[in-house]
Structure formats: C-alpha cells, structure tokens
Amino acid sequence: MLTSDHDVASVLRGEILLLHHAIDALRDLAAAEAGTLQLHREFLDAGDNLGLPAT
C-alpha cells in the first residue's frame, strides 16, 4: 500500500518510464515495417560492453 505522496510519485515515475520505453519500441517496429528505420553502425570494443579487459 502506498503511504505518501512521495511513494505515489515514485511509482508513477516508474510506470511513465516503462510506457516511454514501450512507445519507443513500438515506434521502432512501425518504422521497420514501413521500411524507414534508420540504422547507424558503430565500432565498439566488445570487452567494454561485456566487462572484459581489452586485448
């Protein structure tokens, strides 16, 4: 049970963030279906992304 305005605001913020991510994903899907999704290639160090030491 929520006990304060701060608790309510915190829960609402979390729900808003979830909805924001869902809307972004739906926009990406719609763009992909329409053939207008733009991708940008980037070179990344896999070790940085996996938390492994670079070689």
N, C-alpha and C. Protein backbone atom coordinates (compact mmCIF):
# COMPACT_ATOMS: atom_id res chain seq x y z
N MET A 1 0.84 -1.18 0.00
CA MET A 1 0.00 0.00 0.00
C MET A 1 0.88 1.25 0.00
N LEU A 2 0.52 2.23 -0.80
CA LEU A 2 1.27 3.48 -0.86
C LEU A 2 0.92 4.34 0.35
N THR A 3 1.95 4.92 0.95
CA THR A 3 1.72 5.64 2.19
C THR A 3 1.93 7.15 2.09
N SER A 4 2.54 7.62 1.03
CA SER A 4 2.79 9.06 0.95
C SER A 4 2.77 9.53 -0.50
N ASP A 5 2.71 10.85 -0.65
CA ASP A 5 2.77 11.44 -1.99
C ASP A 5 4.06 11.07 -2.69
N HIS A 6 5.14 10.98 -1.90
CA HIS A 6 6.44 10.60 -2.47
C HIS A 6 6.38 9.19 -3.03
N ASP A 7 5.74 8.27 -2.33
CA ASP A 7 5.58 6.89 -2.81
C ASP A 7 4.77 6.85 -4.10
N VAL A 8 3.69 7.60 -4.13
CA VAL A 8 2.85 7.65 -5.32
C VAL A 8 3.63 8.22 -6.50
N ALA A 9 4.36 9.31 -6.27
CA ALA A 9 5.15 9.93 -7.33
C ALA A 9 6.22 8.97 -7.83
N SER A 10 6.83 8.23 -6.94
CA SER A 10 7.87 7.28 -7.32
C SER A 10 7.30 6.16 -8.19
N VAL A 11 6.15 5.63 -7.81
CA VAL A 11 5.51 4.58 -8.59
C VAL A 11 5.10 5.11 -9.96
N LEU A 12 4.52 6.30 -9.98
CA LEU A 12 4.10 6.91 -11.25
C LEU A 12 5.29 7.15 -12.17
N ARG A 13 6.39 7.60 -11.62
CA ARG A 13 7.60 7.83 -12.42
C ARG A 13 8.06 6.53 -13.05
N GLY A 14 8.07 5.46 -12.30
CA GLY A 14 8.46 4.17 -12.83
C GLY A 14 7.55 3.70 -13.94
N GLU A 15 6.26 3.88 -13.76
CA GLU A 15 5.30 3.49 -14.80
C GLU A 15 5.45 4.33 -16.05
N ILE A 16 5.70 5.62 -15.87
CA ILE A 16 5.90 6.51 -17.02
C ILE A 16 7.13 6.09 -17.81
N LEU A 17 8.21 5.73 -17.11
CA LEU A 17 9.42 5.28 -17.80
C LEU A 17 9.16 4.00 -18.59
N LEU A 18 8.40 3.07 -18.01
CA LEU A 18 8.07 1.84 -18.72
C LEU A 18 7.25 2.14 -19.98
N LEU A 19 6.27 3.02 -19.85
CA LEU A 19 5.47 3.40 -21.01
C LEU A 19 6.31 4.09 -22.08
N HIS A 20 7.23 4.92 -21.66
CA HIS A 20 8.11 5.63 -22.60
C HIS A 20 8.93 4.61 -23.41
N HIS A 21 9.49 3.60 -22.73
CA HIS A 21 10.27 2.58 -23.43
C HIS A 21 9.39 1.76 -24.38
N ALA A 22 8.17 1.46 -23.95
CA ALA A 22 7.25 0.70 -24.80
C ALA A 22 6.89 1.50 -26.04
N ILE A 23 6.64 2.78 -25.89
CA ILE A 23 6.30 3.64 -27.03
C ILE A 23 7.49 3.73 -27.99
N ASP A 24 8.70 3.89 -27.46
CA ASP A 24 9.89 3.93 -28.32
C ASP A 24 10.03 2.64 -29.12
N ALA A 25 9.81 1.50 -28.45
CA ALA A 25 9.91 0.21 -29.13
C ALA A 25 8.86 0.09 -30.22
N LEU A 26 7.64 0.53 -29.95
CA LEU A 26 6.58 0.48 -30.96
C LEU A 26 6.88 1.39 -32.14
N ARG A 27 7.47 2.54 -31.89
CA ARG A 27 7.86 3.44 -32.99
C ARG A 27 8.93 2.78 -33.86
N ASP A 28 9.90 2.11 -33.22
CA ASP A 28 10.93 1.41 -33.98
C ASP A 28 10.32 0.29 -34.82
N LEU A 29 9.39 -0.46 -34.25
CA LEU A 29 8.74 -1.53 -35.00
C LEU A 29 7.95 -0.98 -36.19
N ALA A 30 7.24 0.11 -35.97
CA ALA A 30 6.47 0.72 -37.05
C ALA A 30 7.38 1.22 -38.16
N ALA A 31 8.50 1.82 -37.78
CA ALA A 31 9.46 2.30 -38.79
C ALA A 31 10.07 1.12 -39.54
N ALA A 32 10.36 0.03 -38.86
CA ALA A 32 10.92 -1.15 -39.52
C ALA A 32 9.92 -1.73 -40.51
N GLU A 33 8.67 -1.81 -40.12
CA GLU A 33 7.63 -2.32 -41.02
C GLU A 33 7.45 -1.42 -42.24
N ALA A 34 7.59 -0.13 -42.03
CA ALA A 34 7.41 0.82 -43.12
C ALA A 34 8.66 0.95 -43.98
N GLY A 35 9.74 0.32 -43.55
CA GLY A 35 10.99 0.40 -44.30
C GLY A 35 11.73 1.70 -44.12
N THR A 36 11.42 2.43 -43.05
CA THR A 36 12.05 3.73 -42.82
C THR A 36 12.96 3.75 -41.60
N LEU A 37 13.18 2.58 -41.00
CA LEU A 37 14.05 2.51 -39.83
C LEU A 37 15.49 2.79 -40.26
N GLN A 38 16.12 3.74 -39.62
CA GLN A 38 17.49 4.11 -39.96
C GLN A 38 18.43 3.52 -38.91
N LEU A 39 19.42 2.79 -39.40
CA LEU A 39 20.42 2.19 -38.52
C LEU A 39 21.74 2.89 -38.73
N HIS A 40 22.49 3.02 -37.66
CA HIS A 40 23.80 3.66 -37.71
C HIS A 40 24.81 2.70 -37.11
N ARG A 41 25.79 2.30 -37.93
CA ARG A 41 26.81 1.37 -37.46
C ARG A 41 27.83 2.10 -36.60
N GLU A 42 28.26 1.40 -35.57
CA GLU A 42 29.32 1.91 -34.70
C GLU A 42 30.26 0.77 -34.38
N PHE A 43 31.54 1.08 -34.32
CA PHE A 43 32.51 0.10 -33.88
C PHE A 43 32.63 0.20 -32.37
N LEU A 44 32.47 -0.92 -31.69
CA LEU A 44 32.52 -0.96 -30.24
C LEU A 44 33.54 -1.97 -29.79
N ASP A 45 34.14 -1.72 -28.65
CA ASP A 45 35.04 -2.68 -28.03
C ASP A 45 34.18 -3.67 -27.25
N ALA A 46 34.14 -4.91 -27.72
CA ALA A 46 33.30 -5.92 -27.07
C ALA A 46 33.68 -6.10 -25.61
N GLY A 47 34.97 -5.95 -25.29
CA GLY A 47 35.41 -6.09 -23.89
C GLY A 47 34.77 -5.04 -23.00
N ASP A 48 34.64 -3.81 -23.51
CA ASP A 48 33.98 -2.76 -22.73
C ASP A 48 32.53 -3.10 -22.46
N ASN A 49 31.86 -3.65 -23.46
CA ASN A 49 30.44 -3.95 -23.33
C ASN A 49 30.18 -5.19 -22.48
N LEU A 50 31.14 -6.08 -22.43
CA LEU A 50 30.97 -7.31 -21.64
C LEU A 50 31.67 -7.24 -20.30
N GLY A 51 32.36 -6.14 -20.04
CA GLY A 51 33.08 -6.01 -18.78
C GLY A 51 34.37 -6.80 -18.77
N LEU A 52 34.91 -7.12 -19.96
CA LEU A 52 36.15 -7.89 -20.07
C LEU A 52 37.29 -6.95 -20.37
N PRO A 53 38.50 -7.33 -20.01
CA PRO A 53 39.65 -6.48 -20.35
C PRO A 53 39.91 -6.48 -21.85
N ALA A 54 40.26 -5.33 -22.39
CA ALA A 54 40.56 -5.22 -23.82
C ALA A 54 41.86 -5.94 -24.12
N THR A 55 41.93 -6.52 -25.31
CA THR A 55 43.17 -7.24 -25.69
C THR A 55 43.94 -6.47 -26.72
